PDB file of all heavy atoms in Angstrom:
ATOM      1  N   ASN A   1      23.781  12.226  12.065  1.00  0.00           N
ATOM      2  CA  ASN A   1      23.920  12.392  13.507  1.00  0.00           C
ATOM      3  C   ASN A   1      22.779  11.731  14.270  1.00  0.00           C
ATOM      4  O   ASN A   1      22.993  11.090  15.301  1.00  0.00           O
ATOM      5  CB  ASN A   1      23.986  13.876  13.864  1.00  0.00           C
ATOM      6  CG  ASN A   1      25.323  14.496  13.507  1.00  0.00           C
ATOM      7  OD1 ASN A   1      26.300  13.795  13.261  1.00  0.00           O
ATOM      8  ND2 ASN A   1      25.374  15.812  13.452  1.00  0.00           N
ATOM      9  N   SER A   2      21.560  11.894  13.764  1.00  0.00           N
ATOM     10  CA  SER A   2      20.409  11.308  14.437  1.00  0.00           C
ATOM     11  C   SER A   2      20.484   9.782  14.420  1.00  0.00           C
ATOM     12  O   SER A   2      20.204   9.122  15.434  1.00  0.00           O
ATOM     13  CB  SER A   2      19.115  11.776  13.760  1.00  0.00           C
ATOM     14  OG  SER A   2      17.991  11.167  14.363  1.00  0.00           O
ATOM     15  N   TYR A   3      20.865   9.218  13.282  1.00  0.00           N
ATOM     16  CA  TYR A   3      20.969   7.766  13.186  1.00  0.00           C
ATOM     17  C   TYR A   3      22.071   7.237  14.090  1.00  0.00           C
ATOM     18  O   TYR A   3      21.897   6.228  14.793  1.00  0.00           O
ATOM     19  CB  TYR A   3      21.236   7.359  11.741  1.00  0.00           C
ATOM     20  CG  TYR A   3      21.262   5.856  11.531  1.00  0.00           C
ATOM     21  CD1 TYR A   3      20.090   5.111  11.623  1.00  0.00           C
ATOM     22  CD2 TYR A   3      22.456   5.194  11.254  1.00  0.00           C
ATOM     23  CE1 TYR A   3      20.099   3.733  11.438  1.00  0.00           C
ATOM     24  CE2 TYR A   3      22.472   3.814  11.071  1.00  0.00           C
ATOM     25  CZ  TYR A   3      21.296   3.093  11.165  1.00  0.00           C
ATOM     26  OH  TYR A   3      21.311   1.735  10.991  1.00  0.00           O
ATOM     27  N   ALA A   4      23.211   7.942  14.109  1.00  0.00           N
ATOM     28  CA  ALA A   4      24.313   7.532  14.974  1.00  0.00           C
ATOM     29  C   ALA A   4      23.913   7.620  16.442  1.00  0.00           C
ATOM     30  O   ALA A   4      24.288   6.763  17.253  1.00  0.00           O
ATOM     31  CB  ALA A   4      25.539   8.405  14.709  1.00  0.00           C
ATOM     32  N   ASN A   5      23.140   8.640  16.785  1.00  0.00           N
ATOM     33  CA  ASN A   5      22.671   8.790  18.158  1.00  0.00           C
ATOM     34  C   ASN A   5      21.766   7.626  18.550  1.00  0.00           C
ATOM     35  O   ASN A   5      21.823   7.125  19.682  1.00  0.00           O
ATOM     36  CB  ASN A   5      21.924  10.116  18.309  1.00  0.00           C
ATOM     37  CG  ASN A   5      21.647  10.470  19.752  1.00  0.00           C
ATOM     38  OD1 ASN A   5      22.522  10.344  20.616  1.00  0.00           O
ATOM     39  ND2 ASN A   5      20.444  10.915  20.041  1.00  0.00           N
ATOM     40  N   GLY A   6      20.939   7.182  17.602  1.00  0.00           N
ATOM     41  CA  GLY A   6      20.081   6.037  17.859  1.00  0.00           C
ATOM     42  C   GLY A   6      20.886   4.767  18.082  1.00  0.00           C
ATOM     43  O   GLY A   6      20.587   3.966  18.979  1.00  0.00           O
ATOM     44  N   LEU A   7      21.921   4.577  17.277  1.00  0.00           N
ATOM     45  CA  LEU A   7      22.787   3.409  17.455  1.00  0.00           C
ATOM     46  C   LEU A   7      23.470   3.442  18.816  1.00  0.00           C
ATOM     47  O   LEU A   7      23.599   2.419  19.497  1.00  0.00           O
ATOM     48  CB  LEU A   7      23.854   3.378  16.349  1.00  0.00           C
ATOM     49  CG  LEU A   7      23.386   3.035  14.938  1.00  0.00           C
ATOM     50  CD1 LEU A   7      24.558   3.110  13.971  1.00  0.00           C
ATOM     51  CD2 LEU A   7      22.768   1.633  14.893  1.00  0.00           C
ATOM     52  N   PHE A   8      23.904   4.647  19.207  1.00  0.00           N
ATOM     53  CA  PHE A   8      24.572   4.785  20.499  1.00  0.00           C
ATOM     54  C   PHE A   8      23.634   4.378  21.634  1.00  0.00           C
ATOM     55  O   PHE A   8      24.014   3.618  22.527  1.00  0.00           O
ATOM     56  CB  PHE A   8      25.041   6.230  20.693  1.00  0.00           C
ATOM     57  CG  PHE A   8      25.556   6.504  22.083  1.00  0.00           C
ATOM     58  CD1 PHE A   8      26.839   6.127  22.444  1.00  0.00           C
ATOM     59  CD2 PHE A   8      24.740   7.107  23.034  1.00  0.00           C
ATOM     60  CE1 PHE A   8      27.316   6.352  23.728  1.00  0.00           C
ATOM     61  CE2 PHE A   8      25.199   7.337  24.318  1.00  0.00           C
ATOM     62  CZ  PHE A   8      26.494   6.965  24.665  1.00  0.00           C
ATOM     63  N   ARG A   9      22.399   4.872  21.585  1.00  0.00           N
ATOM     64  CA  ARG A   9      21.457   4.551  22.661  1.00  0.00           C
ATOM     65  C   ARG A   9      21.130   3.058  22.686  1.00  0.00           C
ATOM     66  O   ARG A   9      20.940   2.474  23.759  1.00  0.00           O
ATOM     67  CB  ARG A   9      20.177   5.369  22.491  1.00  0.00           C
ATOM     68  CG  ARG A   9      20.323   6.816  22.935  1.00  0.00           C
ATOM     69  CD  ARG A   9      19.042   7.583  22.770  1.00  0.00           C
ATOM     70  NE  ARG A   9      18.693   7.733  21.355  1.00  0.00           N
ATOM     71  CZ  ARG A   9      17.596   8.340  20.926  1.00  0.00           C
ATOM     72  NH1 ARG A   9      16.723   8.804  21.791  1.00  0.00           N
ATOM     73  NH2 ARG A   9      17.359   8.451  19.645  1.00  0.00           N
ATOM     74  N   ASP A  10      21.079   2.437  21.520  1.00  0.00           N
ATOM     75  CA  ASP A  10      20.763   1.008  21.452  1.00  0.00           C
ATOM     76  C   ASP A  10      21.886   0.141  22.021  1.00  0.00           C
ATOM     77  O   ASP A  10      21.625  -0.914  22.599  1.00  0.00           O
ATOM     78  CB  ASP A  10      20.488   0.591  20.001  1.00  0.00           C
ATOM     79  CG  ASP A  10      19.167   1.150  19.482  1.00  0.00           C
ATOM     80  OD1 ASP A  10      18.326   1.552  20.312  1.00  0.00           O
ATOM     81  OD2 ASP A  10      18.996   1.195  18.248  1.00  0.00           O
ATOM     82  N   PHE A  11      23.122   0.582  21.849  1.00  0.00           N
ATOM     83  CA  PHE A  11      24.254  -0.255  22.241  1.00  0.00           C
ATOM     84  C   PHE A  11      25.143   0.380  23.309  1.00  0.00           C
ATOM     85  O   PHE A  11      26.232  -0.119  23.578  1.00  0.00           O
ATOM     86  CB  PHE A  11      25.098  -0.581  21.001  1.00  0.00           C
ATOM     87  CG  PHE A  11      24.340  -1.319  19.938  1.00  0.00           C
ATOM     88  CD1 PHE A  11      23.836  -0.655  18.830  1.00  0.00           C
ATOM     89  CD2 PHE A  11      24.101  -2.681  20.043  1.00  0.00           C
ATOM     90  CE1 PHE A  11      23.124  -1.327  17.852  1.00  0.00           C
ATOM     91  CE2 PHE A  11      23.391  -3.373  19.068  1.00  0.00           C
ATOM     92  CZ  PHE A  11      22.897  -2.690  17.969  1.00  0.00           C
ATOM     93  N   ALA A  12      24.670   1.458  23.926  1.00  0.00           N
ATOM     94  CA  ALA A  12      25.490   2.190  24.894  1.00  0.00           C
ATOM     95  C   ALA A  12      25.954   1.313  26.050  1.00  0.00           C
ATOM     96  O   ALA A  12      27.131   1.351  26.442  1.00  0.00           O
ATOM     97  CB  ALA A  12      24.719   3.396  25.420  1.00  0.00           C
ATOM     98  N   LEU A  13      25.056   0.531  26.611  1.00  0.00           N
ATOM     99  CA  LEU A  13      25.410  -0.290  27.765  1.00  0.00           C
ATOM    100  C   LEU A  13      26.498  -1.300  27.431  1.00  0.00           C
ATOM    101  O   LEU A  13      27.374  -1.589  28.262  1.00  0.00           O
ATOM    102  CB  LEU A  13      24.171  -1.009  28.299  1.00  0.00           C
ATOM    103  CG  LEU A  13      23.087  -0.098  28.914  1.00  0.00           C
ATOM    104  CD1 LEU A  13      21.893  -0.926  29.364  1.00  0.00           C
ATOM    105  CD2 LEU A  13      23.652   0.705  30.071  1.00  0.00           C
ATOM    106  N   GLN A  14      26.466  -1.822  26.216  1.00  0.00           N
ATOM    107  CA  GLN A  14      27.504  -2.770  25.809  1.00  0.00           C
ATOM    108  C   GLN A  14      28.864  -2.095  25.674  1.00  0.00           C
ATOM    109  O   GLN A  14      29.898  -2.747  25.755  1.00  0.00           O
ATOM    110  CB  GLN A  14      27.116  -3.413  24.473  1.00  0.00           C
ATOM    111  CG  GLN A  14      25.813  -4.203  24.529  1.00  0.00           C
ATOM    112  CD  GLN A  14      25.431  -4.774  23.180  1.00  0.00           C
ATOM    113  OE1 GLN A  14      26.280  -5.211  22.410  1.00  0.00           O
ATOM    114  NE2 GLN A  14      24.138  -4.778  22.870  1.00  0.00           N
ATOM    115  N   LEU A  15      28.831  -0.763  25.451  1.00  0.00           N
ATOM    116  CA  LEU A  15      30.072  -0.009  25.298  1.00  0.00           C
ATOM    117  C   LEU A  15      30.527   0.636  26.608  1.00  0.00           C
ATOM    118  O   LEU A  15      31.562   1.282  26.652  1.00  0.00           O
ATOM    119  CB  LEU A  15      29.880   1.088  24.241  1.00  0.00           C
ATOM    120  CG  LEU A  15      29.533   0.611  22.832  1.00  0.00           C
ATOM    121  CD1 LEU A  15      29.188   1.797  21.939  1.00  0.00           C
ATOM    122  CD2 LEU A  15      30.693  -0.167  22.244  1.00  0.00           C
ATOM    123  N   GLY A  16      29.711   0.455  27.652  1.00  0.00           N
ATOM    124  CA  GLY A  16      30.090   1.014  28.940  1.00  0.00           C
ATOM    125  C   GLY A  16      29.610   2.427  29.179  1.00  0.00           C
ATOM    126  O   GLY A  16      30.164   3.137  30.029  1.00  0.00           O
ATOM    127  N   TYR A  17      28.601   2.873  28.438  1.00  0.00           N
ATOM    128  CA  TYR A  17      28.063   4.223  28.607  1.00  0.00           C
ATOM    129  C   TYR A  17      26.607   4.146  29.068  1.00  0.00           C
ATOM    130  O   TYR A  17      25.963   3.102  28.989  1.00  0.00           O
ATOM    131  CB  TYR A  17      28.132   5.000  27.291  1.00  0.00           C
ATOM    132  CG  TYR A  17      29.529   5.247  26.791  1.00  0.00           C
ATOM    133  CD1 TYR A  17      30.089   4.440  25.811  1.00  0.00           C
ATOM    134  CD2 TYR A  17      30.297   6.291  27.303  1.00  0.00           C
ATOM    135  CE1 TYR A  17      31.374   4.665  25.343  1.00  0.00           C
ATOM    136  CE2 TYR A  17      31.584   6.526  26.844  1.00  0.00           C
ATOM    137  CZ  TYR A  17      32.115   5.716  25.867  1.00  0.00           C
ATOM    138  OH  TYR A  17      33.386   5.941  25.418  1.00  0.00           O
ATOM    139  N   GLU A  18      26.095   5.279  29.548  1.00  0.00           N
ATOM    140  CA  GLU A  18      24.701   5.357  29.960  1.00  0.00           C
ATOM    141  C   GLU A  18      23.807   5.465  28.722  1.00  0.00           C
ATOM    142  O   GLU A  18      24.032   6.321  27.870  1.00  0.00           O
ATOM    143  CB  GLU A  18      24.474   6.565  30.868  1.00  0.00           C
ATOM    144  CG  GLU A  18      25.162   6.458  32.220  1.00  0.00           C
ATOM    145  CD  GLU A  18      24.595   5.324  33.066  1.00  0.00           C
ATOM    146  OE1 GLU A  18      23.402   4.998  32.894  1.00  0.00           O
ATOM    147  OE2 GLU A  18      25.352   4.761  33.870  1.00  0.00           O
ATOM    148  N   ALA A  19      22.790   4.638  28.658  1.00  0.00           N
ATOM    149  CA  ALA A  19      21.923   4.619  27.471  1.00  0.00           C
ATOM    150  C   ALA A  19      21.053   5.861  27.365  1.00  0.00           C
ATOM    151  O   ALA A  19      20.562   6.176  26.276  1.00  0.00           O
ATOM    152  CB  ALA A  19      21.028   3.372  27.505  1.00  0.00           C
ATOM    153  N   ASP A  20      20.844   6.579  28.484  1.00  0.00           N
ATOM    154  CA  ASP A  20      19.981   7.750  28.420  1.00  0.00           C
ATOM    155  C   ASP A  20      20.741   9.020  28.058  1.00  0.00           C
ATOM    156  O   ASP A  20      20.199  10.123  28.126  1.00  0.00           O
ATOM    157  CB  ASP A  20      19.242   7.965  29.747  1.00  0.00           C
ATOM    158  CG  ASP A  20      20.198   8.113  30.930  1.00  0.00           C
ATOM    159  OD1 ASP A  20      21.415   7.977  30.722  1.00  0.00           O
ATOM    160  OD2 ASP A  20      19.706   8.370  32.049  1.00  0.00           O
ATOM    161  N   SER A  21      22.008   8.881  27.678  1.00  0.00           N
ATOM    162  CA  SER A  21      22.769  10.039  27.201  1.00  0.00           C
ATOM    163  C   SER A  21      22.106  10.559  25.931  1.00  0.00           C
ATOM    164  O   SER A  21      21.580   9.789  25.128  1.00  0.00           O
ATOM    165  CB  SER A  21      24.212   9.644  26.892  1.00  0.00           C
ATOM    166  OG  SER A  21      24.854   9.163  28.052  1.00  0.00           O
ATOM    167  N   VAL A  22      22.118  11.869  25.747  1.00  0.00           N
ATOM    168  CA  VAL A  22      21.471  12.456  24.581  1.00  0.00           C
ATOM    169  C   VAL A  22      22.460  13.290  23.783  1.00  0.00           C
ATOM    170  O   VAL A  22      23.446  13.799  24.316  1.00  0.00           O
ATOM    171  CB  VAL A  22      20.277  13.349  24.984  1.00  0.00           C
ATOM    172  CG1 VAL A  22      19.193  12.513  25.643  1.00  0.00           C
ATOM    173  CG2 VAL A  22      20.720  14.468  25.914  1.00  0.00           C
ATOM    174  N   GLN A  23      22.192  13.416  22.510  1.00  0.00           N
ATOM    175  CA  GLN A  23      23.024  14.231  21.637  1.00  0.00           C
ATOM    176  C   GLN A  23      22.747  15.701  21.905  1.00  0.00           C
ATOM    177  O   GLN A  23      21.598  16.126  22.041  1.00  0.00           O
ATOM    178  CB  GLN A  23      22.705  13.903  20.176  1.00  0.00           C
ATOM    179  CG  GLN A  23      23.556  14.666  19.176  1.00  0.00           C
ATOM    180  CD  GLN A  23      23.165  14.324  17.748  1.00  0.00           C
ATOM    181  OE1 GLN A  23      22.162  13.667  17.536  1.00  0.00           O
ATOM    182  NE2 GLN A  23      23.933  14.779  16.805  1.00  0.00           N
ATOM    183  N   LEU A  24      23.796  16.498  22.005  1.00  0.00           N
ATOM    184  CA  LEU A  24      23.637  17.922  22.252  1.00  0.00           C
ATOM    185  C   LEU A  24      23.018  18.598  21.032  1.00  0.00           C
ATOM    186  O   LEU A  24      23.443  18.367  19.903  1.00  0.00           O
ATOM    187  CB  LEU A  24      24.992  18.569  22.553  1.00  0.00           C
ATOM    188  CG  LEU A  24      25.689  18.140  23.847  1.00  0.00           C
ATOM    189  CD1 LEU A  24      27.028  18.853  23.969  1.00  0.00           C
ATOM    190  CD2 LEU A  24      24.822  18.448  25.060  1.00  0.00           C
ATOM    191  N   THR A  25      22.038  19.443  21.269  1.00  0.00           N
ATOM    192  CA  THR A  25      21.452  20.209  20.173  1.00  0.00           C
ATOM    193  C   THR A  25      22.395  21.347  19.792  1.00  0.00           C
ATOM    194  O   THR A  25      23.325  21.682  20.538  1.00  0.00           O
ATOM    195  CB  THR A  25      20.095  20.803  20.584  1.00  0.00           C
ATOM    196  OG1 THR A  25      20.307  21.743  21.656  1.00  0.00           O
ATOM    197  CG2 THR A  25      19.142  19.706  21.053  1.00  0.00           C
ATOM    198  N   ASP A  26      22.148  21.972  18.643  1.00  0.00           N
ATOM    199  CA  ASP A  26      22.980  23.096  18.219  1.00  0.00           C
ATOM    200  C   ASP A  26      22.944  24.223  19.248  1.00  0.00           C
ATOM    201  O   ASP A  26      23.965  24.850  19.541  1.00  0.00           O
ATOM    202  CB  ASP A  26      22.494  23.609  16.851  1.00  0.00           C
ATOM    203  CG  ASP A  26      22.745  22.616  15.734  1.00  0.00           C
ATOM    204  OD1 ASP A  26      23.582  21.710  15.929  1.00  0.00           O
ATOM    205  OD2 ASP A  26      22.107  22.738  14.674  1.00  0.00           O
ATOM    206  N   ALA A  27      21.758  24.478  19.795  1.00  0.00           N
ATOM    207  CA  ALA A  27      21.621  25.554  20.775  1.00  0.00           C
ATOM    208  C   ALA A  27      22.400  25.254  22.048  1.00  0.00           C
ATOM    209  O   ALA A  27      23.071  26.130  22.606  1.00  0.00           O
ATOM    210  CB  ALA A  27      20.142  25.763  21.109  1.00  0.00           C
ATOM    211  N   THR A  28      22.354  23.999  22.502  1.00  0.00           N
ATOM    212  CA  THR A  28      23.077  23.619  23.714  1.00  0.00           C
ATOM    213  C   THR A  28      24.581  23.695  23.491  1.00  0.00           C
ATOM    214  O   THR A  28      25.337  24.139  24.372  1.00  0.00           O
ATOM    215  CB  THR A  28      22.681  22.199  24.157  1.00  0.00           C
ATOM    216  OG1 THR A  28      21.266  22.144  24.350  1.00  0.00           O
ATOM    217  CG2 THR A  28      23.375  21.826  25.458  1.00  0.00           C
ATOM    218  N   GLN A  29      25.034  23.261  22.318  1.00  0.00           N
ATOM    219  CA  GLN A  29      26.456  23.354  22.005  1.00  0.00           C
ATOM    220  C   GLN A  29      26.923  24.808  22.034  1.00  0.00           C
ATOM    221  O   GLN A  29      27.992  25.119  22.561  1.00  0.00           O
ATOM    222  CB  GLN A  29      26.729  22.755  20.622  1.00  0.00           C
ATOM    223  CG  GLN A  29      26.542  21.253  20.540  1.00  0.00           C
ATOM    224  CD  GLN A  29      26.832  20.720  19.155  1.00  0.00           C
ATOM    225  OE1 GLN A  29      27.937  20.869  18.628  1.00  0.00           O
ATOM    226  NE2 GLN A  29      25.852  20.093  18.540  1.00  0.00           N
ATOM    227  N   PHE A  30      26.124  25.688  21.481  1.00  0.00           N
ATOM    228  CA  PHE A  30      26.466  27.113  21.451  1.00  0.00           C
ATOM    229  C   PHE A  30      26.541  27.664  22.876  1.00  0.00           C
ATOM    230  O   PHE A  30      27.468  28.405  23.220  1.00  0.00           O
ATOM    231  CB  PHE A  30      25.432  27.879  20.637  1.00  0.00           C
ATOM    232  CG  PHE A  30      25.804  29.305  20.360  1.00  0.00           C
ATOM    233  CD1 PHE A  30      26.519  29.643  19.218  1.00  0.00           C
ATOM    234  CD2 PHE A  30      25.451  30.326  21.246  1.00  0.00           C
ATOM    235  CE1 PHE A  30      26.872  30.963  18.964  1.00  0.00           C
ATOM    236  CE2 PHE A  30      25.806  31.639  21.003  1.00  0.00           C
ATOM    237  CZ  PHE A  30      26.516  31.961  19.854  1.00  0.00           C
ATOM    238  N   GLN A  31      25.594  27.297  23.724  1.00  0.00           N
ATOM    239  CA  GLN A  31      25.571  27.776  25.099  1.00  0.00           C
ATOM    240  C   GLN A  31      26.782  27.281  25.886  1.00  0.00           C
ATOM    241  O   GLN A  31      27.391  28.036  26.657  1.00  0.00           O
ATOM    242  CB  GLN A  31      24.272  27.344  25.778  1.00  0.00           C
ATOM    243  CG  GLN A  31      23.024  28.014  25.224  1.00  0.00           C
ATOM    244  CD  GLN A  31      21.738  27.387  25.733  1.00  0.00           C
ATOM    245  OE1 GLN A  31      21.769  26.406  26.467  1.00  0.00           O
ATOM    246  NE2 GLN A  31      20.600  27.956  25.349  1.00  0.00           N
ATOM    247  N   LEU A  32      27.131  26.006  25.702  1.00  0.00           N
ATOM    248  CA  LEU A  32      28.294  25.451  26.398  1.00  0.00           C
ATOM    249  C   LEU A  32      29.584  26.120  25.938  1.00  0.00           C
ATOM    250  O   LEU A  32      30.453  26.440  26.754  1.00  0.00           O
ATOM    251  CB  LEU A  32      28.365  23.939  26.168  1.00  0.00           C
ATOM    252  CG  LEU A  32      27.335  23.087  26.908  1.00  0.00           C
ATOM    253  CD1 LEU A  32      27.453  21.626  26.486  1.00  0.00           C
ATOM    254  CD2 LEU A  32      27.527  23.207  28.417  1.00  0.00           C
ATOM    255  N   ALA A  33      29.706  26.330  24.627  1.00  0.00           N
ATOM    256  CA  ALA A  33      30.911  26.979  24.094  1.00  0.00           C
ATOM    257  C   ALA A  33      30.999  28.413  24.606  1.00  0.00           C
ATOM    258  O   ALA A  33      32.084  28.896  24.963  1.00  0.00           O
ATOM    259  CB  ALA A  33      30.884  26.954  22.563  1.00  0.00           C
ATOM    260  N   ARG A  34      29.878  29.095  24.652  1.00  0.00           N
ATOM    261  CA  ARG A  34      29.849  30.486  25.142  1.00  0.00           C
ATOM    262  C   ARG A  34      30.273  30.548  26.605  1.00  0.00           C
ATOM    263  O   ARG A  34      31.092  31.394  27.001  1.00  0.00           O
ATOM    264  CB  ARG A  34      28.445  31.062  24.971  1.00  0.00           C
ATOM    265  CG  ARG A  34      28.333  32.553  25.285  1.00  0.00           C
ATOM    266  CD  ARG A  34      26.912  33.039  25.007  1.00  0.00           C
ATOM    267  NE  ARG A  34      26.840  34.488  25.063  1.00  0.00           N
ATOM    268  CZ  ARG A  34      26.727  35.186  26.182  1.00  0.00           C
ATOM    269  NH1 ARG A  34      26.682  34.554  27.349  1.00  0.00           N
ATOM    270  NH2 ARG A  34      26.668  36.506  26.138  1.00  0.00           N
ATOM    271  N   LYS A  35      29.733  29.654  27.424  1.00  0.00           N
ATOM    272  CA  LYS A  35      30.065  29.618  28.849  1.00  0.00           C
ATOM    273  C   LYS A  35      31.555  29.331  29.057  1.00  0.00           C
ATOM    274  O   LYS A  35      32.229  29.986  29.862  1.00  0.00           O
ATOM    275  CB  LYS A  35      29.229  28.545  29.547  1.00  0.00           C
ATOM    276  CG  LYS A  35      29.424  28.437  31.062  1.00  0.00           C
ATOM    277  CD  LYS A  35      28.460  27.422  31.633  1.00  0.00           C
ATOM    278  CE  LYS A  35      28.546  27.384  33.159  1.00  0.00           C
ATOM    279  NZ  LYS A  35      29.863  26.912  33.631  1.00  0.00           N
ATOM    280  N   PHE A  36      32.072  28.346  28.301  1.00  0.00           N
ATOM    281  CA  PHE A  36      33.486  27.984  28.438  1.00  0.00           C
ATOM    282  C   PHE A  36      34.398  29.143  28.039  1.00  0.00           C
ATOM    283  O   PHE A  36      35.368  29.456  28.735  1.00  0.00           O
ATOM    284  CB  PHE A  36      33.791  26.764  27.566  1.00  0.00           C
ATOM    285  CG  PHE A  36      35.247  26.384  27.580  1.00  0.00           C
ATOM    286  CD1 PHE A  36      35.770  25.616  28.602  1.00  0.00           C
ATOM    287  CD2 PHE A  36      36.101  26.815  26.565  1.00  0.00           C
ATOM    288  CE1 PHE A  36      37.121  25.276  28.630  1.00  0.00           C
ATOM    289  CE2 PHE A  36      37.447  26.484  26.583  1.00  0.00           C
ATOM    290  CZ  PHE A  36      37.953  25.714  27.616  1.00  0.00           C
ATOM    291  N   LEU A  37      34.083  29.791  26.921  1.00  0.00           N
ATOM    292  CA  LEU A  37      34.942  30.866  26.430  1.00  0.00           C
ATOM    293  C   LEU A  37      34.936  32.066  27.378  1.00  0.00           C
ATOM    294  O   LEU A  37      35.990  32.635  27.676  1.00  0.00           O
ATOM    295  CB  LEU A  37      34.510  31.288  25.031  1.00  0.00           C
ATOM    296  CG  LEU A  37      34.852  30.299  23.910  1.00  0.00           C
ATOM    297  CD1 LEU A  37      34.232  30.739  22.601  1.00  0.00           C
ATOM    298  CD2 LEU A  37      36.360  30.177  23.751  1.00  0.00           C
ATOM    299  N   PHE A  38      33.776  32.436  27.875  1.00  0.00           N
ATOM    300  CA  PHE A  38      33.703  33.583  28.766  1.00  0.00           C
ATOM    301  C   PHE A  38      34.395  33.315  30.102  1.00  0.00           C
ATOM    302  O   PHE A  38      34.882  34.230  30.752  1.00  0.00           O
ATOM    303  CB  PHE A  38      32.244  33.993  28.983  1.00  0.00           C
ATOM    304  CG  PHE A  38      31.714  34.915  27.925  1.00  0.00           C
ATOM    305  CD1 PHE A  38      31.167  34.409  26.753  1.00  0.00           C
ATOM    306  CD2 PHE A  38      31.781  36.288  28.066  1.00  0.00           C
ATOM    307  CE1 PHE A  38      30.692  35.251  25.766  1.00  0.00           C
ATOM    308  CE2 PHE A  38      31.308  37.147  27.078  1.00  0.00           C
ATOM    309  CZ  PHE A  38      30.766  36.628  25.916  1.00  0.00           C
ATOM    310  N   GLU A  39      34.428  32.041  30.500  1.00  0.00           N
ATOM    311  CA  GLU A  39      35.046  31.710  31.780  1.00  0.00           C
ATOM    312  C   GLU A  39      36.535  31.383  31.665  1.00  0.00           C
ATOM    313  O   GLU A  39      37.280  31.558  32.643  1.00  0.00           O
ATOM    314  CB  GLU A  39      34.316  30.512  32.415  1.00  0.00           C
ATOM    315  CG  GLU A  39      32.888  30.812  32.842  1.00  0.00           C
ATOM    316  CD  GLU A  39      32.206  29.601  33.442  1.00  0.00           C
ATOM    317  OE1 GLU A  39      32.818  28.498  33.406  1.00  0.00           O
ATOM    318  OE2 GLU A  39      31.073  29.735  33.947  1.00  0.00           O
ATOM    319  N   ASN A  40      36.983  30.933  30.486  1.00  0.00           N
ATOM    320  CA  ASN A  40      38.348  30.426  30.384  1.00  0.00           C
ATOM    321  C   ASN A  40      39.215  31.067  29.309  1.00  0.00           C
ATOM    322  O   ASN A  40      40.428  30.842  29.290  1.00  0.00           O
ATOM    323  CB  ASN A  40      38.308  28.911  30.130  1.00  0.00           C
ATOM    324  CG  ASN A  40      37.580  28.168  31.225  1.00  0.00           C
ATOM    325  OD1 ASN A  40      38.116  27.920  32.290  1.00  0.00           O
ATOM    326  ND2 ASN A  40      36.330  27.785  30.945  1.00  0.00           N
TER     327      ASN A  40
END
């Protein structure tokens, strides 16, 4: 995942994405899933 994230940041602009996008950490993923489930 870390290596793939590095590749994404290196070539993001060529793919049409923002290069400063970051990979979600496990904690952030858990928080987002919790928020979505409680709301929806």
